[in-house]
Amino acid sequence: MRTLTVDRLNAEIEGAAIEILETMFFEYAERVEPGSDTNASATDIWIGSGLQFRGEITGWFRARVSESAAIAIAHGFLGGEADDRSEVEQVVCELTNVLCGLVLSRLEPALAFTLESPEVLSDGDAASLRGPSRVRLNSGTLEAGFYAD
């Protein structure tokens, strides 16, 4: 077994995110090459969520989605329009939960991890978060990352 590290976890996010976005949220996604533009701007509105995980390593997983992309994935996941921002936030929380769980289980399937319930990040925290992994969607951007305690 290789050592599980935050860097190793972060290296796996993009592939898992693309798979989840396309199969559960019906949204096309693609990798963003390091140093390339995601079309995100400093004025974008972000919806973010995070959760704590415990296991071989303990830390946090956080994700943020540009508002336009969050609305699109909420529509795909719910099978129709999201009625308000709180529904969109809950879908972003579900994306965070599934993405974190998939990466952890793929890298170390024999290890047990506990995931806390994801929580919506404040607007300020979501805006300042810059995840090490980025995925471009038709309608915006997803950024996510693992962070050690």
Protein backbone atom coordinates (compact mmCIF):
# COMPACT_ATOMS: atom_id res chain seq x y z
CA MET A 1 0.00 0.00 0.00
CA ARG A 2 1.34 3.41 -0.93
CA THR A 3 1.19 6.16 1.64
CA LEU A 4 -2.02 8.14 1.46
CA THR A 5 -1.30 11.87 1.35
CA VAL A 6 -3.27 15.00 0.58
CA ASP A 7 -1.22 15.44 -2.62
CA ARG A 8 -2.08 11.92 -3.73
CA LEU A 9 -5.77 12.54 -3.01
CA ASN A 10 -5.75 15.84 -4.91
CA ALA A 11 -4.22 14.16 -7.96
CA GLU A 12 -7.33 11.98 -8.29
CA ILE A 13 -10.07 14.61 -7.99
CA GLU A 14 -10.39 15.70 -11.60
CA GLY A 15 -11.06 12.25 -13.06
CA ALA A 16 -13.55 11.42 -10.32
CA ALA A 17 -15.26 14.81 -10.71
CA ILE A 18 -15.72 14.34 -14.45
CA GLU A 19 -17.21 10.89 -13.93
CA ILE A 20 -19.61 12.06 -11.21
CA LEU A 21 -20.68 15.23 -13.04
CA GLU A 22 -21.46 13.31 -16.21
CA THR A 23 -23.22 10.31 -14.62
CA MET A 24 -25.07 11.81 -11.64
CA PHE A 25 -25.53 15.44 -12.65
CA PHE A 26 -25.73 15.07 -16.45
CA GLU A 27 -23.24 17.88 -17.01
CA TYR A 28 -20.30 17.70 -19.43
CA ALA A 29 -16.96 18.37 -17.74
CA GLU A 30 -13.31 18.42 -18.76
CA ARG A 31 -9.94 18.74 -17.10
CA VAL A 32 -8.33 22.13 -16.90
CA GLU A 33 -4.64 22.01 -17.73
CA PRO A 34 -2.42 23.66 -15.12
CA GLY A 35 -1.94 27.32 -15.91
CA SER A 36 -4.86 27.51 -18.34
CA ASP A 37 -7.89 29.73 -17.90
CA THR A 38 -11.19 28.35 -16.64
CA ASN A 39 -13.10 31.47 -17.69
CA ALA A 40 -13.64 32.22 -13.99
CA SER A 41 -13.40 35.88 -13.07
CA ALA A 42 -12.79 37.73 -9.85
CA THR A 43 -16.44 38.80 -9.83
CA ASP A 44 -17.91 35.30 -10.13
CA ILE A 45 -20.32 34.20 -7.44
CA TRP A 46 -19.36 30.84 -5.91
CA ILE A 47 -21.32 28.25 -3.95
CA GLY A 48 -19.09 26.12 -1.76
CA SER A 49 -19.26 23.30 0.72
CA GLY A 50 -16.87 21.32 2.84
CA LEU A 51 -16.66 18.30 5.06
CA GLN A 52 -14.21 16.75 7.47
CA PHE A 53 -12.98 13.19 6.97
CA ARG A 54 -11.21 10.88 9.37
CA GLY A 55 -9.20 7.73 8.71
CA GLU A 56 -5.56 6.98 7.88
CA ILE A 57 -5.26 10.71 7.44
CA THR A 58 -7.65 13.29 8.77
CA GLY A 59 -8.49 16.50 7.03
CA TRP A 60 -10.98 18.50 5.07
CA PHE A 61 -12.41 18.28 1.60
CA ARG A 62 -13.78 21.51 0.15
CA ALA A 63 -15.35 22.32 -3.18
CA ARG A 64 -16.73 25.41 -4.82
CA VAL A 65 -18.80 25.71 -7.96
CA SER A 66 -19.46 28.88 -9.91
CA GLU A 67 -23.09 29.88 -9.45
CA SER A 68 -24.07 29.26 -13.08
CA ALA A 69 -22.55 25.76 -12.98
CA ALA A 70 -24.14 25.03 -9.59
CA ILE A 71 -27.56 25.87 -10.99
CA ALA A 72 -26.94 23.65 -14.03
CA ILE A 73 -25.84 20.66 -11.96
CA ALA A 74 -28.79 21.16 -9.60
CA HIS A 75 -31.15 21.05 -12.59
CA GLY A 76 -29.51 17.86 -13.84
CA PHE A 77 -29.48 16.18 -10.43
CA LEU A 78 -33.03 17.14 -9.49
CA GLY A 79 -34.45 16.51 -12.94
CA GLY A 80 -35.81 20.02 -13.23
CA GLU A 81 -35.50 23.54 -11.93
CA ALA A 82 -34.10 24.22 -8.49
CA ASP A 83 -36.62 26.45 -6.74
CA ASP A 84 -34.20 28.46 -4.65
CA ARG A 85 -30.57 28.91 -3.65
CA SER A 86 -30.88 26.52 -0.70
CA GLU A 87 -31.72 23.66 -3.09
CA VAL A 88 -28.70 24.52 -5.22
CA GLU A 89 -26.53 24.63 -2.08
CA GLN A 90 -27.76 21.19 -1.01
CA VAL A 91 -26.89 19.75 -4.42
CA VAL A 92 -23.37 21.23 -4.11
CA CYS A 93 -23.14 19.56 -0.68
CA GLU A 94 -24.16 16.23 -2.24
CA LEU A 95 -21.54 16.67 -4.97
CA THR A 96 -18.92 17.37 -2.28
CA ASN A 97 -19.91 14.27 -0.30
CA VAL A 98 -19.92 11.92 -3.30
CA LEU A 99 -16.68 13.29 -4.75
CA CYS A 100 -14.78 13.02 -1.47
CA GLY A 101 -16.09 9.50 -0.84
CA LEU A 102 -15.28 8.29 -4.35
CA VAL A 103 -11.69 9.53 -4.28
CA LEU A 104 -11.03 8.06 -0.82
CA SER A 105 -12.58 4.70 -1.70
CA ARG A 106 -10.76 4.42 -5.02
CA LEU A 107 -7.34 5.15 -3.63
CA GLU A 108 -7.57 3.00 -0.53
CA PRO A 109 -10.59 0.69 -0.77
CA ALA A 110 -9.45 -1.41 2.21
CA LEU A 111 -9.30 1.57 4.57
CA ALA A 112 -12.26 2.88 6.52
CA PHE A 113 -12.98 6.59 6.49
CA THR A 114 -15.65 8.54 8.26
CA LEU A 115 -17.14 11.50 6.41
CA GLU A 116 -18.90 14.21 8.35
CA SER A 117 -21.97 15.79 6.79
CA PRO A 118 -21.04 18.47 4.27
CA GLU A 119 -21.83 22.06 5.19
CA VAL A 120 -22.36 25.08 2.98
CA LEU A 121 -19.45 27.51 3.09
CA SER A 122 -20.13 31.18 3.67
CA ASP A 123 -20.04 33.34 0.55
CA GLY A 124 -16.71 34.82 1.67
CA ASP A 125 -15.14 31.41 2.32
CA ALA A 126 -16.38 30.06 -1.00
CA ALA A 127 -15.06 33.12 -2.86
CA SER A 128 -11.60 32.86 -1.26
CA LEU A 129 -11.23 29.09 -1.67
CA ARG A 130 -9.04 28.12 -4.58
CA GLY A 131 -8.96 24.35 -4.94
CA PRO A 132 -5.88 22.65 -6.36
CA SER A 133 -8.07 20.69 -8.79
CA ARG A 134 -10.22 22.43 -11.39
CA VAL A 135 -12.78 21.12 -13.85
CA ARG A 136 -14.49 23.16 -16.55
CA LEU A 137 -18.19 22.59 -17.14
CA ASN A 138 -20.30 23.94 -20.00
CA SER A 139 -21.71 26.52 -17.63
CA GLY A 140 -18.81 27.32 -15.31
CA THR A 141 -16.14 25.86 -13.07
CA LEU A 142 -15.69 23.39 -10.20
CA GLU A 143 -12.66 23.71 -7.94
CA ALA A 144 -11.97 21.21 -5.17
CA GLY A 145 -9.26 19.95 -2.89
CA PHE A 146 -8.22 17.93 0.13
CA TYR A 147 -6.57 19.77 3.01
CA ALA A 148 -4.71 18.19 5.94
CA ASP A 149 -5.62 19.11 9.50
